[in-house]
All heavy atoms as atom14 arrays in JSON, in Angstrom:
{
  "sequence": "CARAQAAGASCWWVPTALAHHAGSLTFKRGGLSR",
  "atom14_mask": [
    [1, 1, 1, 1, 1, 1, 0, 0, 0, 0, 0, 0, 0, 0],
    [1, 1, 1, 1, 1, 0, 0, 0, 0, 0, 0, 0, 0, 0],
    [1, 1, 1, 1, 1, 1, 1, 1, 1, 1, 1, 0, 0, 0],
    [1, 1, 1, 1, 1, 0, 0, 0, 0, 0, 0, 0, 0, 0],
    [1, 1, 1, 1, 1, 1, 1, 1, 1, 0, 0, 0, 0, 0],
    [1, 1, 1, 1, 1, 0, 0, 0, 0, 0, 0, 0, 0, 0],
    [1, 1, 1, 1, 1, 0, 0, 0, 0, 0, 0, 0, 0, 0],
    [1, 1, 1, 1, 0, 0, 0, 0, 0, 0, 0, 0, 0, 0],
    [1, 1, 1, 1, 1, 0, 0, 0, 0, 0, 0, 0, 0, 0],
    [1, 1, 1, 1, 1, 1, 0, 0, 0, 0, 0, 0, 0, 0],
    [1, 1, 1, 1, 1, 1, 0, 0, 0, 0, 0, 0, 0, 0],
    [1, 1, 1, 1, 1, 1, 1, 1, 1, 1, 1, 1, 1, 1],
    [1, 1, 1, 1, 1, 1, 1, 1, 1, 1, 1, 1, 1, 1],
    [1, 1, 1, 1, 1, 1, 1, 0, 0, 0, 0, 0, 0, 0],
    [1, 1, 1, 1, 1, 1, 1, 0, 0, 0, 0, 0, 0, 0],
    [1, 1, 1, 1, 1, 1, 1, 0, 0, 0, 0, 0, 0, 0],
    [1, 1, 1, 1, 1, 0, 0, 0, 0, 0, 0, 0, 0, 0],
    [1, 1, 1, 1, 1, 1, 1, 1, 0, 0, 0, 0, 0, 0],
    [1, 1, 1, 1, 1, 0, 0, 0, 0, 0, 0, 0, 0, 0],
    [1, 1, 1, 1, 1, 1, 1, 1, 1, 1, 0, 0, 0, 0],
    [1, 1, 1, 1, 1, 1, 1, 1, 1, 1, 0, 0, 0, 0],
    [1, 1, 1, 1, 1, 0, 0, 0, 0, 0, 0, 0, 0, 0],
    [1, 1, 1, 1, 0, 0, 0, 0, 0, 0, 0, 0, 0, 0],
    [1, 1, 1, 1, 1, 1, 0, 0, 0, 0, 0, 0, 0, 0],
    [1, 1, 1, 1, 1, 1, 1, 1, 0, 0, 0, 0, 0, 0],
    [1, 1, 1, 1, 1, 1, 1, 0, 0, 0, 0, 0, 0, 0],
    [1, 1, 1, 1, 1, 1, 1, 1, 1, 1, 1, 0, 0, 0],
    [1, 1, 1, 1, 1, 1, 1, 1, 1, 0, 0, 0, 0, 0],
    [1, 1, 1, 1, 1, 1, 1, 1, 1, 1, 1, 0, 0, 0],
    [1, 1, 1, 1, 0, 0, 0, 0, 0, 0, 0, 0, 0, 0],
    [1, 1, 1, 1, 0, 0, 0, 0, 0, 0, 0, 0, 0, 0],
    [1, 1, 1, 1, 1, 1, 1, 1, 0, 0, 0, 0, 0, 0],
    [1, 1, 1, 1, 1, 1, 0, 0, 0, 0, 0, 0, 0, 0],
    [1, 1, 1, 1, 1, 1, 1, 1, 1, 1, 1, 0, 0, 0]
  ],
  "atom14_positions": [
    [[0.83, -1.21, 0.0], [0.0, 0.0, 0.0], [0.86, 1.26, 0.0], [0.54, 2.24, -0.67], [-0.93, -0.01, 1.22], [-2.23, -1.26, 1.17], [0.0, 0.0, 0.0], [0.0, 0.0, 0.0], [0.0, 0.0, 0.0], [0.0, 0.0, 0.0], [0.0, 0.0, 0.0], [0.0, 0.0, 0.0], [0.0, 0.0, 0.0], [0.0, 0.0, 0.0]],
    [[1.95, 1.23, 0.74], [2.84, 2.4, 0.76], [3.43, 2.64, -0.62], [3.56, 3.8, -1.06], [3.96, 2.18, 1.78], [0.0, 0.0, 0.0], [0.0, 0.0, 0.0], [0.0, 0.0, 0.0], [0.0, 0.0, 0.0], [0.0, 0.0, 0.0], [0.0, 0.0, 0.0], [0.0, 0.0, 0.0], [0.0, 0.0, 0.0], [0.0, 0.0, 0.0]],
    [[3.76, 1.58, -1.32], [4.3, 1.74, -2.68], [3.25, 2.32, -3.63], [3.56, 3.15, -4.49], [4.79, 0.39, -3.19], [6.08, -0.06, -2.53], [6.24, -1.56, -2.57], [6.18, -2.12, -3.91], [6.07, -3.43, -4.16], [6.0, -4.29, -3.16], [6.03, -3.85, -5.4], [0.0, 0.0, 0.0], [0.0, 0.0, 0.0], [0.0, 0.0, 0.0]],
    [[2.0, 1.87, -3.48], [0.94, 2.41, -4.33], [0.76, 3.9, -4.09], [0.62, 4.69, -5.04], [-0.38, 1.67, -4.06], [0.0, 0.0, 0.0], [0.0, 0.0, 0.0], [0.0, 0.0, 0.0], [0.0, 0.0, 0.0], [0.0, 0.0, 0.0], [0.0, 0.0, 0.0], [0.0, 0.0, 0.0], [0.0, 0.0, 0.0], [0.0, 0.0, 0.0]],
    [[0.79, 4.31, -2.83], [0.61, 5.72, -2.52], [1.81, 6.55, -2.97], [1.66, 7.69, -3.4], [0.35, 5.86, -1.02], [-1.0, 5.28, -0.62], [-1.21, 5.22, 0.88], [-1.74, 6.14, 1.48], [-0.79, 4.12, 1.49], [0.0, 0.0, 0.0], [0.0, 0.0, 0.0], [0.0, 0.0, 0.0], [0.0, 0.0, 0.0], [0.0, 0.0, 0.0]],
    [[2.99, 5.97, -2.89], [4.17, 6.67, -3.38], [4.11, 6.88, -4.88], [4.69, 7.83, -5.41], [5.44, 5.9, -3.01], [0.0, 0.0, 0.0], [0.0, 0.0, 0.0], [0.0, 0.0, 0.0], [0.0, 0.0, 0.0], [0.0, 0.0, 0.0], [0.0, 0.0, 0.0], [0.0, 0.0, 0.0], [0.0, 0.0, 0.0], [0.0, 0.0, 0.0]],
    [[3.35, 6.02, -5.59], [3.19, 6.14, -7.04], [2.07, 7.11, -7.4], [1.78, 7.31, -8.58], [2.91, 4.77, -7.65], [0.0, 0.0, 0.0], [0.0, 0.0, 0.0], [0.0, 0.0, 0.0], [0.0, 0.0, 0.0], [0.0, 0.0, 0.0], [0.0, 0.0, 0.0], [0.0, 0.0, 0.0], [0.0, 0.0, 0.0], [0.0, 0.0, 0.0]],
    [[1.42, 7.7, -6.4], [0.38, 8.7, -6.65], [-1.03, 8.19, -6.54], [-1.98, 8.94, -6.8], [0.0, 0.0, 0.0], [0.0, 0.0, 0.0], [0.0, 0.0, 0.0], [0.0, 0.0, 0.0], [0.0, 0.0, 0.0], [0.0, 0.0, 0.0], [0.0, 0.0, 0.0], [0.0, 0.0, 0.0], [0.0, 0.0, 0.0], [0.0, 0.0, 0.0]],
    [[-1.21, 6.92, -6.18], [-2.55, 6.35, -6.04], [-3.03, 6.49, -4.6], [-2.36, 7.09, -3.75], [-2.54, 4.89, -6.48], [0.0, 0.0, 0.0], [0.0, 0.0, 0.0], [0.0, 0.0, 0.0], [0.0, 0.0, 0.0], [0.0, 0.0, 0.0], [0.0, 0.0, 0.0], [0.0, 0.0, 0.0], [0.0, 0.0, 0.0], [0.0, 0.0, 0.0]],
    [[-4.2, 5.91, -4.3], [-4.75, 6.0, -2.95], [-5.32, 4.65, -2.53], [-5.66, 3.8, -3.35], [-5.84, 7.07, -2.87], [-6.88, 6.8, -3.82], [0.0, 0.0, 0.0], [0.0, 0.0, 0.0], [0.0, 0.0, 0.0], [0.0, 0.0, 0.0], [0.0, 0.0, 0.0], [0.0, 0.0, 0.0], [0.0, 0.0, 0.0], [0.0, 0.0, 0.0]],
    [[-5.38, 4.46, -1.21], [-5.97, 3.27, -0.59], [-7.17, 3.73, 0.23], [-7.1, 4.74, 0.93], [-4.95, 2.56, 0.3], [-3.41, 2.12, -0.52], [0.0, 0.0, 0.0], [0.0, 0.0, 0.0], [0.0, 0.0, 0.0], [0.0, 0.0, 0.0], [0.0, 0.0, 0.0], [0.0, 0.0, 0.0], [0.0, 0.0, 0.0], [0.0, 0.0, 0.0]],
    [[-8.26, 2.93, 0.18], [-9.5, 3.38, 0.8], [-10.13, 2.3, 1.67], [-10.07, 1.11, 1.37], [-10.52, 3.8, -0.27], [-10.22, 5.15, -0.86], [-9.29, 5.45, -1.81], [-10.85, 6.38, -0.51], [-9.29, 6.79, -2.08], [-10.24, 7.39, -1.3], [-11.86, 6.74, 0.38], [-10.63, 8.73, -1.22], [-12.24, 8.06, 0.47], [-11.63, 9.05, -0.33]],
    [[-10.77, 2.78, 2.74], [-11.63, 1.98, 3.61], [-13.06, 2.17, 3.1], [-13.52, 3.3, 2.91], [-11.48, 2.48, 5.04], [-12.68, 2.42, 5.95], [-13.67, 3.33, 6.08], [-12.97, 1.38, 6.88], [-14.57, 2.96, 7.04], [-14.16, 1.75, 7.55], [-12.35, 0.19, 7.22], [-14.73, 0.96, 8.54], [-12.92, -0.59, 8.22], [-14.11, -0.21, 8.86]],
    [[-13.75, 1.07, 2.82], [-15.1, 1.12, 2.25], [-16.06, 0.42, 3.21], [-16.21, -0.81, 3.16], [-15.14, 0.46, 0.86], [-16.51, 0.63, 0.23], [-14.06, 1.07, -0.05], [0.0, 0.0, 0.0], [0.0, 0.0, 0.0], [0.0, 0.0, 0.0], [0.0, 0.0, 0.0], [0.0, 0.0, 0.0], [0.0, 0.0, 0.0], [0.0, 0.0, 0.0]],
    [[-16.73, 1.14, 4.09], [-17.51, 0.5, 5.15], [-18.81, -0.15, 4.69], [-19.43, -0.9, 5.46], [-17.79, 1.66, 6.12], [-17.73, 2.88, 5.26], [-16.69, 2.6, 4.23], [0.0, 0.0, 0.0], [0.0, 0.0, 0.0], [0.0, 0.0, 0.0], [0.0, 0.0, 0.0], [0.0, 0.0, 0.0], [0.0, 0.0, 0.0], [0.0, 0.0, 0.0]],
    [[-19.25, 0.13, 3.46], [-20.45, -0.57, 2.96], [-20.13, -2.0, 2.55], [-21.04, -2.81, 2.35], [-21.03, 0.18, 1.75], [-20.03, 0.33, 0.75], [-21.55, 1.56, 2.17], [0.0, 0.0, 0.0], [0.0, 0.0, 0.0], [0.0, 0.0, 0.0], [0.0, 0.0, 0.0], [0.0, 0.0, 0.0], [0.0, 0.0, 0.0], [0.0, 0.0, 0.0]],
    [[-18.85, -2.32, 2.41], [-18.41, -3.69, 2.14], [-18.07, -4.35, 3.47], [-17.37, -3.77, 4.31], [-17.18, -3.68, 1.23], [0.0, 0.0, 0.0], [0.0, 0.0, 0.0], [0.0, 0.0, 0.0], [0.0, 0.0, 0.0], [0.0, 0.0, 0.0], [0.0, 0.0, 0.0], [0.0, 0.0, 0.0], [0.0, 0.0, 0.0], [0.0, 0.0, 0.0]],
    [[-18.58, -5.57, 3.68], [-18.45, -6.22, 4.99], [-17.77, -7.59, 4.87], [-18.06, -8.38, 3.97], [-19.82, -6.41, 5.63], [-20.63, -5.13, 5.88], [-22.01, -5.49, 6.44], [-19.9, -4.19, 6.82], [0.0, 0.0, 0.0], [0.0, 0.0, 0.0], [0.0, 0.0, 0.0], [0.0, 0.0, 0.0], [0.0, 0.0, 0.0], [0.0, 0.0, 0.0]],
    [[-16.86, -7.85, 5.83], [-16.19, -9.15, 5.91], [-16.08, -9.54, 7.38], [-16.3, -8.72, 8.29], [-14.82, -9.09, 5.26], [0.0, 0.0, 0.0], [0.0, 0.0, 0.0], [0.0, 0.0, 0.0], [0.0, 0.0, 0.0], [0.0, 0.0, 0.0], [0.0, 0.0, 0.0], [0.0, 0.0, 0.0], [0.0, 0.0, 0.0], [0.0, 0.0, 0.0]],
    [[-15.71, -10.8, 7.61], [-15.56, -11.33, 8.97], [-14.25, -12.11, 9.03], [-13.91, -12.83, 8.09], [-16.73, -12.24, 9.32], [-18.07, -11.62, 9.08], [-18.74, -10.91, 10.05], [-18.84, -11.57, 7.96], [-19.88, -10.46, 9.55], [-19.96, -10.85, 8.29], [0.0, 0.0, 0.0], [0.0, 0.0, 0.0], [0.0, 0.0, 0.0], [0.0, 0.0, 0.0]],
    [[-13.53, -11.99, 10.16], [-12.21, -12.6, 10.27], [-12.09, -13.37, 11.58], [-12.42, -12.85, 12.64], [-11.13, -11.51, 10.21], [-9.75, -12.04, 10.08], [-8.64, -11.37, 10.53], [-9.27, -13.2, 9.53], [-7.55, -12.08, 10.27], [-7.91, -13.19, 9.67], [0.0, 0.0, 0.0], [0.0, 0.0, 0.0], [0.0, 0.0, 0.0], [0.0, 0.0, 0.0]],
    [[-11.6, -14.61, 11.49], [-11.48, -15.44, 12.68], [-10.16, -15.24, 13.4], [-9.97, -15.74, 14.5], [-11.62, -16.91, 12.31], [0.0, 0.0, 0.0], [0.0, 0.0, 0.0], [0.0, 0.0, 0.0], [0.0, 0.0, 0.0], [0.0, 0.0, 0.0], [0.0, 0.0, 0.0], [0.0, 0.0, 0.0], [0.0, 0.0, 0.0], [0.0, 0.0, 0.0]],
    [[-9.21, -14.53, 12.8], [-7.9, -14.38, 13.39], [-6.89, -15.2, 12.64], [-7.21, -15.94, 11.71], [0.0, 0.0, 0.0], [0.0, 0.0, 0.0], [0.0, 0.0, 0.0], [0.0, 0.0, 0.0], [0.0, 0.0, 0.0], [0.0, 0.0, 0.0], [0.0, 0.0, 0.0], [0.0, 0.0, 0.0], [0.0, 0.0, 0.0], [0.0, 0.0, 0.0]],
    [[-5.63, -15.11, 13.02], [-4.55, -15.75, 12.26], [-4.48, -17.24, 12.56], [-3.94, -17.66, 13.58], [-3.21, -15.09, 12.58], [-2.19, -15.75, 11.88], [0.0, 0.0, 0.0], [0.0, 0.0, 0.0], [0.0, 0.0, 0.0], [0.0, 0.0, 0.0], [0.0, 0.0, 0.0], [0.0, 0.0, 0.0], [0.0, 0.0, 0.0], [0.0, 0.0, 0.0]],
    [[-5.01, -18.06, 11.65], [-4.93, -19.5, 11.82], [-3.49, -19.99, 11.75], [-3.1, -20.94, 12.42], [-5.76, -20.2, 10.74], [-7.27, -20.0, 10.81], [-7.92, -20.72, 9.64], [-7.82, -20.53, 12.12], [0.0, 0.0, 0.0], [0.0, 0.0, 0.0], [0.0, 0.0, 0.0], [0.0, 0.0, 0.0], [0.0, 0.0, 0.0], [0.0, 0.0, 0.0]],
    [[-2.68, -19.36, 10.91], [-1.29, -19.79, 10.74], [-0.57, -19.84, 12.07], [0.11, -20.81, 12.4], [-0.55, -18.84, 9.79], [-1.18, -18.89, 8.51], [0.91, -19.22, 9.65], [0.0, 0.0, 0.0], [0.0, 0.0, 0.0], [0.0, 0.0, 0.0], [0.0, 0.0, 0.0], [0.0, 0.0, 0.0], [0.0, 0.0, 0.0], [0.0, 0.0, 0.0]],
    [[-0.75, -18.8, 12.89], [-0.03, -18.75, 14.16], [-0.76, -19.49, 15.26], [-0.15, -20.17, 16.08], [0.2, -17.29, 14.56], [1.08, -16.56, 13.6], [0.57, -15.59, 12.75], [2.43, -16.84, 13.52], [1.38, -14.92, 11.86], [3.25, -16.17, 12.63], [2.73, -15.21, 11.8], [0.0, 0.0, 0.0], [0.0, 0.0, 0.0], [0.0, 0.0, 0.0]],
    [[-2.09, -19.41, 15.29], [-2.84, -20.06, 16.36], [-2.7, -21.58, 16.31], [-2.5, -22.24, 17.31], [-4.32, -19.67, 16.27], [-4.61, -18.24, 16.69], [-6.1, -17.97, 16.6], [-6.41, -16.53, 17.05], [-7.85, -16.23, 16.94], [0.0, 0.0, 0.0], [0.0, 0.0, 0.0], [0.0, 0.0, 0.0], [0.0, 0.0, 0.0], [0.0, 0.0, 0.0]],
    [[-2.83, -22.14, 15.11], [-2.8, -23.6, 15.0], [-1.4, -24.16, 15.05], [-1.18, -25.28, 15.45], [-3.49, -24.02, 13.7], [-4.97, -23.74, 13.75], [-5.68, -24.26, 12.52], [-7.11, -24.06, 12.64], [-7.96, -24.27, 11.67], [-7.53, -24.69, 10.51], [-9.25, -24.07, 11.85], [0.0, 0.0, 0.0], [0.0, 0.0, 0.0], [0.0, 0.0, 0.0]],
    [[-0.44, -23.38, 14.61], [0.92, -23.9, 14.59], [1.69, -23.65, 15.87], [2.83, -24.09, 16.0], [0.0, 0.0, 0.0], [0.0, 0.0, 0.0], [0.0, 0.0, 0.0], [0.0, 0.0, 0.0], [0.0, 0.0, 0.0], [0.0, 0.0, 0.0], [0.0, 0.0, 0.0], [0.0, 0.0, 0.0], [0.0, 0.0, 0.0], [0.0, 0.0, 0.0]],
    [[1.09, -22.93, 16.83], [1.81, -22.6, 18.04], [3.05, -21.76, 17.74], [4.11, -21.96, 18.33], [0.0, 0.0, 0.0], [0.0, 0.0, 0.0], [0.0, 0.0, 0.0], [0.0, 0.0, 0.0], [0.0, 0.0, 0.0], [0.0, 0.0, 0.0], [0.0, 0.0, 0.0], [0.0, 0.0, 0.0], [0.0, 0.0, 0.0], [0.0, 0.0, 0.0]],
    [[2.92, -20.83, 16.81], [4.08, -20.13, 16.29], [4.21, -18.72, 16.84], [4.44, -17.77, 16.1], [3.99, -20.09, 14.75], [3.9, -21.45, 14.06], [3.72, -21.27, 12.56], [5.14, -22.28, 14.35], [0.0, 0.0, 0.0], [0.0, 0.0, 0.0], [0.0, 0.0, 0.0], [0.0, 0.0, 0.0], [0.0, 0.0, 0.0], [0.0, 0.0, 0.0]],
    [[4.08, -18.56, 18.14], [4.19, -17.22, 18.71], [5.58, -16.64, 18.48], [5.74, -15.44, 18.25], [3.86, -17.26, 20.2], [4.77, -18.11, 20.89], [0.0, 0.0, 0.0], [0.0, 0.0, 0.0], [0.0, 0.0, 0.0], [0.0, 0.0, 0.0], [0.0, 0.0, 0.0], [0.0, 0.0, 0.0], [0.0, 0.0, 0.0], [0.0, 0.0, 0.0]],
    [[6.6, -17.5, 18.55], [7.96, -17.01, 18.31], [8.09, -16.49, 16.88], [8.68, -15.44, 16.64], [8.99, -18.1, 18.57], [10.42, -17.61, 18.35], [11.44, -18.72, 18.38], [11.57, -19.31, 19.7], [12.52, -20.19, 20.02], [13.38, -20.6, 19.1], [12.58, -20.7, 21.24], [0.0, 0.0, 0.0], [0.0, 0.0, 0.0], [0.0, 0.0, 0.0]]
  ]
}
């Protein structure tokens, strides 16, 4: 995103679009806190 903005574009938050997230499975299931 930083590279896109450095190129003159923009990044946007669109609250009419909705999603749901359970959290990071990669770290939770693998015990990968380190």
